[in-house]
Amino acid sequence: MGRLIAGNLPSYAPSHQTLNPKSPLMGRRIAFLGSSITAGAGALEDSFVDYLVATDGVIAIKEAVSGTTLAGNAPDSYVQRLYHRIPVTQPLDAFVCQLSTNDGRHDKAMGQVTGAQQRHGFDETTTLGAIETIVAYVQQHWAVPVVFFTCVRKYDANYGKLVQQLKVLQKKWHFTIIDLWQDPVVKAENRAQPLAMVDDAHPTRLGYRNIWTPIFRQQLTEVLRQSEA
């Protein structure tokens, strides 16, 4: 039985998990913008988002399309989906964005970090410009905590550079980073649970349930606690 099947048994599905009515995330309204990891491409379209809904009562907007990029003006780019698929009238408590690995594969220009005072007019055709556009838009319309998360995958120099630039942007915009890229603890967990990943990048249901969801539960709980302190 292959990992795709064995790691995605029906018993691992979000619908088979138990809701914790005392979760600090219960009723929290969180938007998740991303691509295949947010979508659950290796887990029959179930991801950590769906487990947070099932186990913690999160009210989620899951805006995820596999293979898409942060940068660019295509209708399915992160920026365009943010503009057109997440209504600004939708109340939110937090906003989570996946740092896509697709930009490098699609030869999107990384771009430049803009000056400390610039708050609009970013180049959405570049990855860093798209990131700044997203953060500025969320701050303007919702004024809620923004969280970026990096992806687990085999070493890639271009993605490693993007992660470093994300940390530079963090100093300007003060968002949170859940840094799973090359995380030794996550790597160890994946080795200990061979059915957790379909490939080097995509978790199975088992992986999302056992490894990813606890990380996001803890981190989002802390982000919201700090924002309301």
Protein backbone atom coordinates (compact mmCIF):
# COMPACT_ATOMS: atom_id res chain seq x y z
CA MET A 1 0.00 0.00 0.00
CA GLY A 2 1.54 3.33 -1.09
CA ARG A 3 1.93 6.33 1.17
CA LEU A 4 -0.76 8.20 -0.77
CA ILE A 5 -3.27 5.53 0.24
CA ALA A 6 -1.92 4.44 3.63
CA GLY A 7 -1.44 8.01 4.87
CA ASN A 8 -4.91 9.06 3.73
CA LEU A 9 -7.15 6.39 5.22
CA PRO A 10 -10.72 7.51 5.96
CA SER A 11 -10.04 7.17 9.69
CA TYR A 12 -7.49 9.99 9.41
CA ALA A 13 -9.96 12.37 7.75
CA PRO A 14 -11.04 15.58 9.51
CA SER A 15 -14.59 14.25 9.67
CA HIS A 16 -13.35 11.46 11.98
CA GLN A 17 -11.69 13.82 14.46
CA THR A 18 -13.14 15.03 17.76
CA LEU A 19 -14.05 18.67 18.34
CA ASN A 20 -12.59 20.28 21.45
CA PRO A 21 -15.28 22.75 22.57
CA LYS A 22 -12.79 24.41 24.93
CA SER A 23 -10.21 25.16 22.24
CA PRO A 24 -8.97 28.77 22.43
CA LEU A 25 -9.47 28.88 18.66
CA MET A 26 -13.16 28.05 18.88
CA GLY A 27 -15.17 30.47 16.76
CA ARG A 28 -12.09 32.33 15.53
CA ARG A 29 -12.47 33.60 11.97
CA ILE A 30 -9.27 33.00 10.05
CA ALA A 31 -8.53 33.34 6.33
CA PHE A 32 -5.97 31.00 4.76
CA LEU A 33 -4.47 32.04 1.41
CA GLY A 34 -2.19 29.59 -0.35
CA SER A 35 -1.51 26.88 -2.87
CA SER A 36 -1.09 23.09 -2.66
CA ILE A 37 -0.02 22.82 0.99
CA THR A 38 -2.97 24.93 2.13
CA ALA A 39 -5.25 23.02 -0.25
CA GLY A 40 -4.15 19.55 0.88
CA ALA A 41 -3.03 18.34 -2.53
CA GLY A 42 -1.41 15.21 -1.09
CA ALA A 43 -4.27 14.53 1.32
CA LEU A 44 -7.41 14.35 -0.83
CA GLU A 45 -7.85 18.12 -0.43
CA ASP A 46 -7.85 17.96 3.37
CA SER A 47 -5.22 20.19 4.98
CA PHE A 48 -4.33 21.60 8.39
CA VAL A 49 -7.08 24.16 7.74
CA ASP A 50 -9.74 21.45 7.69
CA TYR A 51 -8.34 19.87 10.86
CA LEU A 52 -8.43 23.22 12.66
CA VAL A 53 -12.08 23.49 11.65
CA ALA A 54 -12.86 19.94 12.79
CA THR A 55 -10.89 19.84 16.04
CA ASP A 56 -10.80 23.48 17.17
CA GLY A 57 -13.94 25.04 15.74
CA VAL A 58 -12.10 27.57 13.59
CA ILE A 59 -14.36 29.41 11.14
CA ALA A 60 -12.10 29.27 8.11
CA ILE A 61 -11.93 30.82 4.68
CA LYS A 62 -9.77 28.34 2.77
CA GLU A 63 -8.64 30.12 -0.39
CA ALA A 64 -6.17 27.63 -1.84
CA VAL A 65 -5.38 26.68 -5.44
CA SER A 66 -2.57 24.21 -6.15
CA GLY A 67 0.30 25.35 -8.34
CA THR A 68 -0.35 29.07 -7.97
CA THR A 69 2.14 31.86 -7.31
CA LEU A 70 2.23 34.86 -5.03
CA ALA A 71 3.42 37.09 -7.89
CA GLY A 72 1.64 37.95 -11.11
CA ASN A 73 -1.64 39.24 -12.45
CA ALA A 74 -3.15 35.87 -13.39
CA PRO A 75 -6.68 35.42 -12.00
CA ASP A 76 -5.47 32.61 -9.73
CA SER A 77 -2.44 34.42 -8.30
CA TYR A 78 -2.46 34.99 -4.55
CA VAL A 79 -3.00 38.72 -4.92
CA GLN A 80 -5.87 38.45 -7.38
CA ARG A 81 -7.63 35.79 -5.30
CA LEU A 82 -7.24 37.98 -2.23
CA TYR A 83 -8.84 40.87 -4.09
CA HIS A 84 -11.70 38.90 -5.62
CA ARG A 85 -12.44 35.88 -3.43
CA ILE A 86 -12.14 37.11 0.16
CA PRO A 87 -14.78 39.80 0.75
CA VAL A 88 -13.56 42.75 2.80
CA THR A 89 -16.93 42.62 4.55
CA GLN A 90 -16.01 39.21 5.96
CA PRO A 91 -14.96 39.67 9.61
CA LEU A 92 -11.56 38.16 10.42
CA ASP A 93 -9.50 37.56 13.55
CA ALA A 94 -6.31 36.56 11.70
CA PHE A 95 -4.91 36.04 8.21
CA VAL A 96 -2.56 33.19 7.26
CA CYS A 97 -0.57 33.06 4.01
CA GLN A 98 1.58 30.27 2.56
CA LEU A 99 5.00 31.29 1.23
CA SER A 100 4.66 29.57 -2.12
CA THR A 101 7.44 27.44 -3.56
CA ASN A 102 5.85 27.88 -6.99
CA ASP A 103 7.21 31.37 -7.71
CA GLY A 104 10.72 30.05 -8.22
CA ARG A 105 9.54 27.18 -10.38
CA HIS A 106 7.59 29.60 -12.56
CA ASP A 107 10.57 31.98 -12.81
CA LYS A 108 8.83 34.86 -11.06
CA ALA A 109 11.21 37.69 -10.22
CA MET A 110 11.87 37.91 -6.49
CA GLY A 111 11.91 41.71 -6.48
CA GLN A 112 13.10 44.07 -3.78
CA VAL A 113 12.15 44.99 -0.23
CA THR A 114 10.82 48.55 -0.33
CA GLY A 115 11.63 51.38 2.05
CA ALA A 116 10.45 51.35 5.63
CA GLN A 117 7.81 54.05 5.06
CA GLN A 118 6.30 52.72 1.81
CA ARG A 119 2.81 51.33 2.37
CA HIS A 120 1.39 51.09 -1.18
CA GLY A 121 2.37 50.94 -4.84
CA PHE A 122 4.22 47.60 -4.70
CA ASP A 123 5.19 45.60 -7.79
CA GLU A 124 2.73 42.71 -7.72
CA THR A 125 4.57 41.00 -10.59
CA THR A 126 7.41 40.17 -8.17
CA THR A 127 7.19 37.80 -5.21
CA LEU A 128 8.29 40.31 -2.58
CA GLY A 129 6.04 42.98 -4.06
CA ALA A 130 3.11 40.58 -3.88
CA ILE A 131 3.89 39.78 -0.24
CA GLU A 132 3.96 43.47 0.67
CA THR A 133 0.73 44.02 -1.27
CA ILE A 134 -0.98 41.24 0.66
CA VAL A 135 0.18 42.47 4.07
CA ALA A 136 -0.76 46.08 3.32
CA TYR A 137 -4.20 45.03 2.03
CA VAL A 138 -4.93 42.90 5.09
CA GLN A 139 -3.80 45.64 7.46
CA GLN A 140 -5.91 48.22 5.63
CA HIS A 141 -9.13 46.21 5.50
CA TRP A 142 -9.03 44.04 8.64
CA ALA A 143 -6.19 45.26 10.89
CA VAL A 144 -5.67 41.71 12.18
CA PRO A 145 -2.50 39.68 12.80
CA VAL A 146 -0.85 38.34 9.65
CA VAL A 147 0.96 35.00 9.70
CA PHE A 148 3.17 33.62 6.93
CA PHE A 149 4.28 30.01 6.93
CA THR A 150 7.14 28.49 5.00
CA CYS A 151 6.95 25.08 3.34
CA VAL A 152 8.66 21.79 4.05
CA ARG A 153 10.60 20.49 1.06
CA LYS A 154 14.05 19.32 0.01
CA TYR A 155 16.69 22.04 -0.03
CA ASP A 156 16.23 24.68 -2.72
CA ALA A 157 18.61 27.64 -2.79
CA ASN A 158 16.09 29.99 -4.41
CA TYR A 159 13.41 29.20 -1.83
CA GLY A 160 15.96 29.55 0.95
CA LYS A 161 16.75 33.06 -0.30
CA LEU A 162 13.03 33.88 -0.40
CA VAL A 163 12.64 32.72 3.19
CA GLN A 164 15.48 35.04 4.21
CA GLN A 165 13.84 37.96 2.41
CA LEU A 166 10.55 37.16 4.15
CA LYS A 167 12.37 37.60 7.45
CA VAL A 168 13.62 40.99 6.25
CA LEU A 169 10.04 41.98 5.43
CA GLN A 170 8.96 40.79 8.87
CA LYS A 171 11.05 43.57 10.43
CA LYS A 172 9.13 46.13 8.38
CA TRP A 173 5.61 44.76 8.72
CA HIS A 174 5.80 42.91 12.07
CA PHE A 175 3.97 39.78 10.94
CA THR A 176 4.52 36.32 12.40
CA ILE A 177 6.41 33.57 10.58
CA ILE A 178 5.76 29.87 11.19
CA ASP A 179 9.05 28.67 9.74
CA LEU A 180 8.73 25.03 8.73
CA TRP A 181 11.37 25.28 6.00
CA GLN A 182 14.26 23.01 7.02
CA ASP A 183 12.77 22.76 10.55
CA PRO A 184 14.74 19.98 12.32
CA VAL A 185 11.82 19.00 14.56
CA VAL A 186 9.42 18.64 11.63
CA LYS A 187 12.07 16.73 9.70
CA ALA A 188 12.51 14.35 12.63
CA GLU A 189 8.75 13.87 12.95
CA ASN A 190 8.49 13.09 9.24
CA ARG A 191 11.25 10.49 9.53
CA ALA A 192 9.54 8.93 12.54
CA GLN A 193 6.19 8.80 10.72
CA PRO A 194 6.92 7.60 7.16
CA LEU A 195 3.26 7.91 6.15
CA ALA A 196 3.20 11.62 7.03
CA MET A 197 4.36 12.81 3.60
CA VAL A 198 3.48 11.82 0.03
CA ASP A 199 6.71 13.40 -1.26
CA ASP A 200 9.26 15.96 -0.07
CA ALA A 201 6.66 18.74 0.12
CA HIS A 202 3.11 17.44 0.51
CA PRO A 203 1.70 15.97 3.73
CA THR A 204 -0.89 13.24 3.91
CA ARG A 205 -3.92 13.39 6.17
CA LEU A 206 -1.84 11.61 8.80
CA GLY A 207 0.90 14.22 8.46
CA TYR A 208 -1.50 17.13 8.71
CA ARG A 209 -3.26 15.61 11.70
CA ASN A 210 -0.20 14.55 13.68
CA ILE A 211 2.44 17.14 12.76
CA TRP A 212 1.09 20.25 11.03
CA THR A 213 -2.16 20.90 12.89
CA PRO A 214 -0.61 20.91 16.39
CA ILE A 215 1.98 23.45 15.21
CA PHE A 216 -0.64 25.76 13.73
CA ARG A 217 -2.93 25.32 16.73
CA GLN A 218 -0.21 26.40 19.13
CA GLN A 219 1.14 29.23 16.99
CA LEU A 220 -2.25 30.73 16.10
CA THR A 221 -3.38 30.53 19.72
CA GLU A 222 -0.29 32.48 20.76
CA VAL A 223 -0.65 35.03 17.95
CA LEU A 224 -4.24 35.78 18.91
CA ARG A 225 -3.40 35.89 22.62
CA GLN A 226 -0.66 38.44 22.02
CA SER A 227 -2.83 40.55 19.72
CA GLU A 228 -5.45 40.88 22.43
CA ALA A 229 -3.11 41.35 25.40
